[in-house]
């Protein structure tokens, strides 16, 4: 029987302002969880990432053994979520962009049995959430400064260039969960292809 896993994900230091509750089937991979996070948190997804759980490092590369790093890594792409044997309230950490890292704190909230296999097509999805998301090439700490400044001023005076297009205002308070879910699976597929297709 397949399971639908539920995770609460927040940007480190901003867990009360920018967060999601993600539902994803356990047949998908650790990499698929990462892609869902990157898609929902508005990442351009062009940096490396890793997810750490119980001292195991799940790496985004197709062959993580071919690296110059000393730490042992496991392929996130070939590890199913079911293999993690998660227990309720277990925590994971995802680091994206090692140069200016955005760190995501991930808590496993539990699971439900998926009675009808056809229902698997409804996942991944975002069940709850707040906060627009992250900004690429900016650390969690730098983003926190922008968020706190927005709260202090009552408006945002920060802009960014999504996909190197024209500037857009970044106001973390403007998050639309319906729009997020509407585009989520398409964005996940684009991100997956970017990381996995040579």
C-alpha atoms as a PDB file:
ATOM      1  CA  UNK A   1       0.000   0.000   0.000  1.00  0.00           C
ATOM      2  CA  UNK A   2       1.374   3.389  -0.968  1.00  0.00           C
ATOM      3  CA  UNK A   3       1.503   6.171   1.595  1.00  0.00           C
ATOM      4  CA  UNK A   4       1.034   9.908   1.358  1.00  0.00           C
ATOM      5  CA  UNK A   5       3.728  11.543   3.475  1.00  0.00           C
ATOM      6  CA  UNK A   6       3.205  14.968   5.009  1.00  0.00           C
ATOM      7  CA  UNK A   7       6.103  17.348   5.675  1.00  0.00           C
ATOM      8  CA  UNK A   8       6.225  20.834   7.125  1.00  0.00           C
ATOM      9  CA  UNK A   9       8.981  22.844   5.453  1.00  0.00           C
ATOM     10  CA  UNK A  10      10.195  26.277   6.505  1.00  0.00           C
ATOM     11  CA  UNK A  11      13.120  28.508   5.623  1.00  0.00           C
ATOM     12  CA  UNK A  12      15.555  28.517   8.528  1.00  0.00           C
ATOM     13  CA  UNK A  13      14.955  31.539  10.749  1.00  0.00           C
ATOM     14  CA  UNK A  14      11.679  32.297   8.959  1.00  0.00           C
ATOM     15  CA  UNK A  15       9.716  29.150   9.783  1.00  0.00           C
ATOM     16  CA  UNK A  16       6.788  31.198  11.103  1.00  0.00           C
ATOM     17  CA  UNK A  17       6.631  33.457   8.016  1.00  0.00           C
ATOM     18  CA  UNK A  18       7.647  31.351   4.969  1.00  0.00           C
ATOM     19  CA  UNK A  19       6.549  27.733   5.187  1.00  0.00           C
ATOM     20  CA  UNK A  20       4.652  24.946   3.443  1.00  0.00           C
ATOM     21  CA  UNK A  21       2.945  21.691   4.319  1.00  0.00           C
ATOM     22  CA  UNK A  22       3.813  19.355   1.461  1.00  0.00           C
ATOM     23  CA  UNK A  23       2.082  16.062   0.687  1.00  0.00           C
ATOM     24  CA  UNK A  24       4.003  13.566  -1.467  1.00  0.00           C
ATOM     25  CA  UNK A  25       3.794   9.811  -2.008  1.00  0.00           C
ATOM     26  CA  UNK A  26       6.453   7.555  -0.540  1.00  0.00           C
ATOM     27  CA  UNK A  27       7.047   6.001  -3.986  1.00  0.00           C
ATOM     28  CA  UNK A  28       8.750   9.221  -5.061  1.00  0.00           C
ATOM     29  CA  UNK A  29      12.377   9.996  -4.280  1.00  0.00           C
ATOM     30  CA  UNK A  30      14.275  12.235  -1.900  1.00  0.00           C
ATOM     31  CA  UNK A  31      15.112  14.270  -5.014  1.00  0.00           C
ATOM     32  CA  UNK A  32      11.389  14.625  -5.819  1.00  0.00           C
ATOM     33  CA  UNK A  33      10.848  16.074  -2.340  1.00  0.00           C
ATOM     34  CA  UNK A  34      13.668  18.552  -3.028  1.00  0.00           C
ATOM     35  CA  UNK A  35      12.161  19.510  -6.409  1.00  0.00           C
ATOM     36  CA  UNK A  36       8.773  20.058  -4.773  1.00  0.00           C
ATOM     37  CA  UNK A  37      10.357  22.345  -2.183  1.00  0.00           C
ATOM     38  CA  UNK A  38      12.279  24.304  -4.821  1.00  0.00           C
ATOM     39  CA  UNK A  39       9.186  24.644  -7.036  1.00  0.00           C
ATOM     40  CA  UNK A  40       6.896  25.765  -4.222  1.00  0.00           C
ATOM     41  CA  UNK A  41       9.425  28.191  -2.739  1.00  0.00           C
ATOM     42  CA  UNK A  42       9.948  29.914  -6.136  1.00  0.00           C
ATOM     43  CA  UNK A  43      13.553  28.836  -6.690  1.00  0.00           C
ATOM     44  CA  UNK A  44      15.152  29.091 -10.122  1.00  0.00           C
ATOM     45  CA  UNK A  45      16.747  25.714  -9.210  1.00  0.00           C
ATOM     46  CA  UNK A  46      20.160  26.149 -10.784  1.00  0.00           C
ATOM     47  CA  UNK A  47      22.361  25.417  -7.753  1.00  0.00           C
ATOM     48  CA  UNK A  48      23.359  22.221  -5.991  1.00  0.00           C
ATOM     49  CA  UNK A  49      21.342  20.901  -3.059  1.00  0.00           C
ATOM     50  CA  UNK A  50      21.619  18.193  -0.433  1.00  0.00           C
ATOM     51  CA  UNK A  51      19.220  16.772   2.139  1.00  0.00           C
ATOM     52  CA  UNK A  52      20.577  15.486   5.442  1.00  0.00           C
ATOM     53  CA  UNK A  53      18.681  12.949   7.546  1.00  0.00           C
ATOM     54  CA  UNK A  54      20.136  10.982  10.470  1.00  0.00           C
ATOM     55  CA  UNK A  55      23.700  11.891   9.445  1.00  0.00           C
ATOM     56  CA  UNK A  56      23.101  10.608   5.908  1.00  0.00           C
ATOM     57  CA  UNK A  57      23.664  13.112   3.103  1.00  0.00           C
ATOM     58  CA  UNK A  58      21.439  12.706   0.034  1.00  0.00           C
ATOM     59  CA  UNK A  59      23.123  14.518  -2.839  1.00  0.00           C
ATOM     60  CA  UNK A  60      21.583  15.928  -6.013  1.00  0.00           C
ATOM     61  CA  UNK A  61      24.242  14.704  -8.413  1.00  0.00           C
ATOM     62  CA  UNK A  62      23.517  11.707 -10.601  1.00  0.00           C
ATOM     63  CA  UNK A  63      26.738  10.121  -9.318  1.00  0.00           C
ATOM     64  CA  UNK A  64      27.630  11.760  -5.988  1.00  0.00           C
ATOM     65  CA  UNK A  65      30.683   9.489  -5.540  1.00  0.00           C
ATOM     66  CA  UNK A  66      32.398  11.451  -8.334  1.00  0.00           C
ATOM     67  CA  UNK A  67      33.033  14.514  -6.186  1.00  0.00           C
ATOM     68  CA  UNK A  68      35.996  16.185  -4.556  1.00  0.00           C
ATOM     69  CA  UNK A  69      34.263  16.224  -1.171  1.00  0.00           C
ATOM     70  CA  UNK A  70      35.265  13.899   1.636  1.00  0.00           C
ATOM     71  CA  UNK A  71      31.835  13.223   3.089  1.00  0.00           C
ATOM     72  CA  UNK A  72      30.040  10.123   1.881  1.00  0.00           C
ATOM     73  CA  UNK A  73      26.938  10.911  -0.083  1.00  0.00           C
ATOM     74  CA  UNK A  74      23.896   8.936  -1.149  1.00  0.00           C
ATOM     75  CA  UNK A  75      22.053   9.660  -4.375  1.00  0.00           C
ATOM     76  CA  UNK A  76      18.849  11.611  -3.703  1.00  0.00           C
ATOM     77  CA  UNK A  77      17.754  10.710  -7.222  1.00  0.00           C
ATOM     78  CA  UNK A  78      17.805   6.944  -6.634  1.00  0.00           C
ATOM     79  CA  UNK A  79      16.549   6.876  -3.023  1.00  0.00           C
ATOM     80  CA  UNK A  80      12.807   6.467  -2.530  1.00  0.00           C
ATOM     81  CA  UNK A  81      11.228   8.270   0.398  1.00  0.00           C
ATOM     82  CA  UNK A  82       9.907   4.907   1.621  1.00  0.00           C
ATOM     83  CA  UNK A  83      13.524   3.810   2.198  1.00  0.00           C
ATOM     84  CA  UNK A  84      14.050   6.496   4.859  1.00  0.00           C
ATOM     85  CA  UNK A  85      11.755   4.736   7.356  1.00  0.00           C
ATOM     86  CA  UNK A  86      10.568   8.093   8.691  1.00  0.00           C
ATOM     87  CA  UNK A  87       8.968   8.419  12.113  1.00  0.00           C
ATOM     88  CA  UNK A  88       6.568  11.213  13.108  1.00  0.00           C
ATOM     89  CA  UNK A  89       8.405  14.420  14.089  1.00  0.00           C
ATOM     90  CA  UNK A  90      11.677  13.287  12.504  1.00  0.00           C
ATOM     91  CA  UNK A  91      13.590  16.253  11.099  1.00  0.00           C
ATOM     92  CA  UNK A  92      15.557  16.661   7.892  1.00  0.00           C
ATOM     93  CA  UNK A  93      17.536  19.603   6.580  1.00  0.00           C
ATOM     94  CA  UNK A  94      17.918  20.747   2.995  1.00  0.00           C
ATOM     95  CA  UNK A  95      20.693  23.080   1.941  1.00  0.00           C
ATOM     96  CA  UNK A  96      20.406  24.744  -1.465  1.00  0.00           C
ATOM     97  CA  UNK A  97      23.233  26.768  -3.057  1.00  0.00           C
ATOM     98  CA  UNK A  98      26.369  26.099  -1.042  1.00  0.00           C
ATOM     99  CA  UNK A  99      27.776  29.581  -1.794  1.00  0.00           C
ATOM    100  CA  UNK A 100      24.797  31.587  -0.475  1.00  0.00           C
ATOM    101  CA  UNK A 101      22.841  28.827   1.198  1.00  0.00           C
ATOM    102  CA  UNK A 102      19.134  28.789   1.758  1.00  0.00           C
ATOM    103  CA  UNK A 103      18.470  26.210   4.445  1.00  0.00           C
ATOM    104  CA  UNK A 104      15.108  24.484   4.769  1.00  0.00           C
ATOM    105  CA  UNK A 105      14.046  22.854   8.020  1.00  0.00           C
ATOM    106  CA  UNK A 106      11.814  19.849   7.262  1.00  0.00           C
ATOM    107  CA  UNK A 107       9.630  18.032   9.813  1.00  0.00           C
ATOM    108  CA  UNK A 108       7.837  14.777   9.021  1.00  0.00           C
ATOM    109  CA  UNK A 109       4.254  15.121  10.255  1.00  0.00           C
ATOM    110  CA  UNK A 110       3.057  11.596   9.497  1.00  0.00           C
ATOM    111  CA  UNK A 111       1.315   9.712   6.701  1.00  0.00           C
ATOM    112  CA  UNK A 112      -1.977   8.391   5.390  1.00  0.00           C
ATOM    113  CA  UNK A 113      -2.533   5.200   3.413  1.00  0.00           C
ATOM    114  CA  UNK A 114      -3.324   5.800  -0.250  1.00  0.00           C
ATOM    115  CA  UNK A 115      -6.215   3.428  -0.859  1.00  0.00           C
ATOM    116  CA  UNK A 116      -6.685   4.103  -4.563  1.00  0.00           C
ATOM    117  CA  UNK A 117      -3.494   3.937  -6.639  1.00  0.00           C
ATOM    118  CA  UNK A 118      -4.993   6.335  -9.212  1.00  0.00           C
ATOM    119  CA  UNK A 119      -5.097   9.027  -6.523  1.00  0.00           C
ATOM    120  CA  UNK A 120      -1.287   9.171  -6.611  1.00  0.00           C
ATOM    121  CA  UNK A 121      -1.615  11.586  -9.537  1.00  0.00           C
ATOM    122  CA  UNK A 122      -2.892  14.221  -7.074  1.00  0.00           C
ATOM    123  CA  UNK A 123       0.551  14.444  -5.440  1.00  0.00           C
ATOM    124  CA  UNK A 124       2.831  16.223  -4.759  1.00  0.00           C
ATOM    125  CA  UNK A 125       0.683  19.113  -3.578  1.00  0.00           C
ATOM    126  CA  UNK A 126       0.788  21.953  -1.089  1.00  0.00           C
ATOM    127  CA  UNK A 127      -1.740  21.481   1.707  1.00  0.00           C
ATOM    128  CA  UNK A 128      -1.019  24.695   3.630  1.00  0.00           C
ATOM    129  CA  UNK A 129       1.474  27.511   3.489  1.00  0.00           C
ATOM    130  CA  UNK A 130       2.437  31.128   3.964  1.00  0.00           C
ATOM    131  CA  UNK A 131       5.104  33.411   2.540  1.00  0.00           C
ATOM    132  CA  UNK A 132       6.067  33.868  -1.089  1.00  0.00           C
ATOM    133  CA  UNK A 133       9.309  31.898  -1.009  1.00  0.00           C
ATOM    134  CA  UNK A 134      13.046  32.282  -1.340  1.00  0.00           C
ATOM    135  CA  UNK A 135      15.342  34.377  -3.504  1.00  0.00           C
ATOM    136  CA  UNK A 136      18.147  32.705  -5.442  1.00  0.00           C
ATOM    137  CA  UNK A 137      21.751  33.759  -4.775  1.00  0.00           C
ATOM    138  CA  UNK A 138      20.750  34.989  -1.333  1.00  0.00           C
ATOM    139  CA  UNK A 139      21.258  33.209   1.966  1.00  0.00           C
ATOM    140  CA  UNK A 140      18.521  32.535   4.504  1.00  0.00           C
ATOM    141  CA  UNK A 141      20.038  35.224   6.749  1.00  0.00           C
ATOM    142  CA  UNK A 142      19.970  37.841   3.968  1.00  0.00           C
ATOM    143  CA  UNK A 143      16.360  36.958   3.151  1.00  0.00           C
ATOM    144  CA  UNK A 144      15.457  37.277   6.826  1.00  0.00           C
ATOM    145  CA  UNK A 145      16.732  40.882   6.801  1.00  0.00           C
ATOM    146  CA  UNK A 146      14.442  41.699   3.852  1.00  0.00           C
ATOM    147  CA  UNK A 147      11.451  40.047   5.524  1.00  0.00           C
ATOM    148  CA  UNK A 148      12.025  41.900   8.807  1.00  0.00           C
ATOM    149  CA  UNK A 149      12.464  45.182   6.930  1.00  0.00           C
ATOM    150  CA  UNK A 150       9.173  44.571   5.102  1.00  0.00           C
ATOM    151  CA  UNK A 151       7.441  43.982   8.437  1.00  0.00           C
ATOM    152  CA  UNK A 152       8.972  47.140   9.886  1.00  0.00           C
ATOM    153  CA  UNK A 153       8.086  49.363   6.910  1.00  0.00           C
ATOM    154  CA  UNK A 154       4.713  47.771   6.184  1.00  0.00           C
ATOM    155  CA  UNK A 155       5.657  47.411   2.518  1.00  0.00           C
ATOM    156  CA  UNK A 156       8.431  45.882   0.422  1.00  0.00           C
ATOM    157  CA  UNK A 157      11.171  47.956  -1.171  1.00  0.00           C
ATOM    158  CA  UNK A 158      13.032  44.954  -2.590  1.00  0.00           C
ATOM    159  CA  UNK A 159      12.951  43.738  -6.189  1.00  0.00           C
ATOM    160  CA  UNK A 160      14.427  40.726  -7.950  1.00  0.00           C
ATOM    161  CA  UNK A 161      14.807  39.392 -11.497  1.00  0.00           C
ATOM    162  CA  UNK A 162      13.092  35.996 -11.854  1.00  0.00           C
ATOM    163  CA  UNK A 163      14.763  34.114 -14.663  1.00  0.00           C
ATOM    164  CA  UNK A 164      16.756  37.249 -15.514  1.00  0.00           C
ATOM    165  CA  UNK A 165      13.665  39.022 -16.799  1.00  0.00           C
ATOM    166  CA  UNK A 166      12.418  42.447 -15.787  1.00  0.00           C
ATOM    167  CA  UNK A 167      12.446  43.349 -12.116  1.00  0.00           C
ATOM    168  CA  UNK A 168       9.592  42.200  -9.904  1.00  0.00           C
ATOM    169  CA  UNK A 169       8.723  43.293  -6.414  1.00  0.00           C
ATOM    170  CA  UNK A 170       9.493  40.740  -3.717  1.00  0.00           C
ATOM    171  CA  UNK A 171       6.902  40.927  -0.958  1.00  0.00           C
ATOM    172  CA  UNK A 172       6.955  37.704   1.032  1.00  0.00           C
ATOM    173  CA  UNK A 173       3.387  38.319   2.230  1.00  0.00           C
ATOM    174  CA  UNK A 174       1.944  37.804  -1.261  1.00  0.00           C
ATOM    175  CA  UNK A 175       1.588  34.034  -1.462  1.00  0.00           C
ATOM    176  CA  UNK A 176      -1.258  32.340  -3.347  1.00  0.00           C
ATOM    177  CA  UNK A 177      -1.579  28.639  -2.525  1.00  0.00           C
ATOM    178  CA  UNK A 178      -4.083  28.011  -5.348  1.00  0.00           C
ATOM    179  CA  UNK A 179      -1.666  29.424  -7.924  1.00  0.00           C
ATOM    180  CA  UNK A 180       1.157  27.446  -6.332  1.00  0.00           C
ATOM    181  CA  UNK A 181      -0.703  24.151  -6.710  1.00  0.00           C
ATOM    182  CA  UNK A 182      -1.877  25.076 -10.218  1.00  0.00           C
ATOM    183  CA  UNK A 183       1.696  25.299 -11.526  1.00  0.00           C
ATOM    184  CA  UNK A 184       3.456  22.967  -9.084  1.00  0.00           C
ATOM    185  CA  UNK A 185       3.647  19.714 -11.072  1.00  0.00           C
ATOM    186  CA  UNK A 186       4.810  21.466 -14.246  1.00  0.00           C
ATOM    187  CA  UNK A 187       7.550  23.294 -12.347  1.00  0.00           C
ATOM    188  CA  UNK A 188       8.623  20.076 -10.620  1.00  0.00           C
ATOM    189  CA  UNK A 189       9.004  18.388 -14.019  1.00  0.00           C
ATOM    190  CA  UNK A 190      11.104  21.272 -15.361  1.00  0.00           C
ATOM    191  CA  UNK A 191      13.325  21.199 -12.273  1.00  0.00           C
ATOM    192  CA  UNK A 192      13.635  17.401 -12.380  1.00  0.00           C
ATOM    193  CA  UNK A 193      14.743  17.531 -16.013  1.00  0.00           C
ATOM    194  CA  UNK A 194      17.278  20.234 -15.171  1.00  0.00           C
ATOM    195  CA  UNK A 195      18.942  18.132 -12.492  1.00  0.00           C
ATOM    196  CA  UNK A 196      18.578  14.666 -13.972  1.00  0.00           C
ATOM    197  CA  UNK A 197      18.695  14.889 -17.786  1.00  0.00           C
ATOM    198  CA  UNK A 198      22.235  15.117 -19.116  1.00  0.00           C
END
